[in-house]
């Protein structure tokens, strides 16, 4: 048979097998959706704020829910209060496993700025409110529901499906993914993983774009330490530590670092251009045009900083610590630069460039210890990405699937560094919702109930198509 004929036949059989799998394991999504929402609410009610974490309480809740369905799970803990949970449905071994995962810790809150108790899981006007509804107990609940459905429906599998609810993602991975990768790799090793980091965008009531996270920037923060001669505030000094620091921060934050595209961002802008109005498409199509690039980047910075960030290693001052009395010149002042490097950045070389930009020997650059490894981007031409794309189009026919690079950081970095092709998904949200203060890490964090249930269904269908026996 001609090679093209084989490809068409294979694609046709794949679609038939997918349709057969979906029809063989029918799910009442009204009923399952209510159940998934109830579990998400209960997970939110457990205040697993990191620090200190206390993720074991979340893990024990999940363990009890799975046990009630006849699903065995194990807890793995470096710290008894911060356990990780792993459950596995075994397949026939003809394909390597899939890992679905979510983290059980959440960031802190300022309760006085919330409408209601951040850990109440209150439901109002079609939303579930509470810390973790978007980051990341929605993925935890979704993964748990997929495991429950696989068991209830007796799905026969070609590959193991592993569910991981991990601790410590919010800045303390030593108790979570690092611990598992370094000491229990055999229980989570997989060909593919699906976790957080993606997001759909809703326009005019429909999912317009469906973003799948295929890579992420590397957190490589530094502290600038300026030192000078202390003295009375009434006497100006050329070696005032506060002045030295202010100049260094100004130079660092004004530095326009090198712009460059990678496979993910090239496809991201190309696909975005294809569905955008002409004036926007012109920007996306000419990012690399030397005659237009600088003006386009400036516009991105002014109107949509995310696009500016994914084009470069970013340098953002976030914390300044200087002085203790109004009339005292301190001997030392410091500032934190939140540096998010492109996946292929030369870390030490970048620090050398930063020192040259600051150009002041009185300023010491102190790098933060690296807690997430450098990792290559996940592929966009393999079985998993093609399945993620196909299921998204089936569920949201008007959507364009785009690979995205996260400007934040996830526990997929450690998996990608070990060769696991990893992809991030998330619930769809409107532009207004994305730009509101109701997002991840924000006050009044919330997720739309229908978007959450849709994400559960999406994860289920992806797992079913890639893991179920034909």
Foldseek 3Di string as FASTA:
>chain_A
DDPVVVVVVVVVVLVVLLVVLCVLQDDDLVVLLVVLLVLLLVLLLPQQAPVVGQLVVVQVVLQVVCVVLVWHKDWDWPDNSFIKIKTKDFAPQQFWEEEQEAESYFHDDDQVLFPHGQSRQDDDPQKGWHTCQFRHSLSVSLLSSLVSSCSVSVFHWNYMYMYMHFYDFPPGCVGTLVCCVVPPVVRRDTQAYEYADWAFADDPRAGAATEKAFAAWFWKKKKKKFFFDKDWQVDDDPRQRVVLVVLLQVLLQPDQFDFDDDPQLLQQLVLVLVRDPVVSVVLSVCCVPPVCNVVSLVVCVVPPCVVNCNRFWHWAWDDKAADDDPTMRDRMIMTMIGTTGDLPDPVVVVVVVSCVSSVDPSMDIGIDDGDFDRADTADCPDPLNVLLQVLVCVVRVNYHYGYDYHHDDGSVRVVRRVPHRYMHGGFYDYPVVVPDQQDGPGHRPMDRSVRSSVVSVSVSSSCSSVIGDD
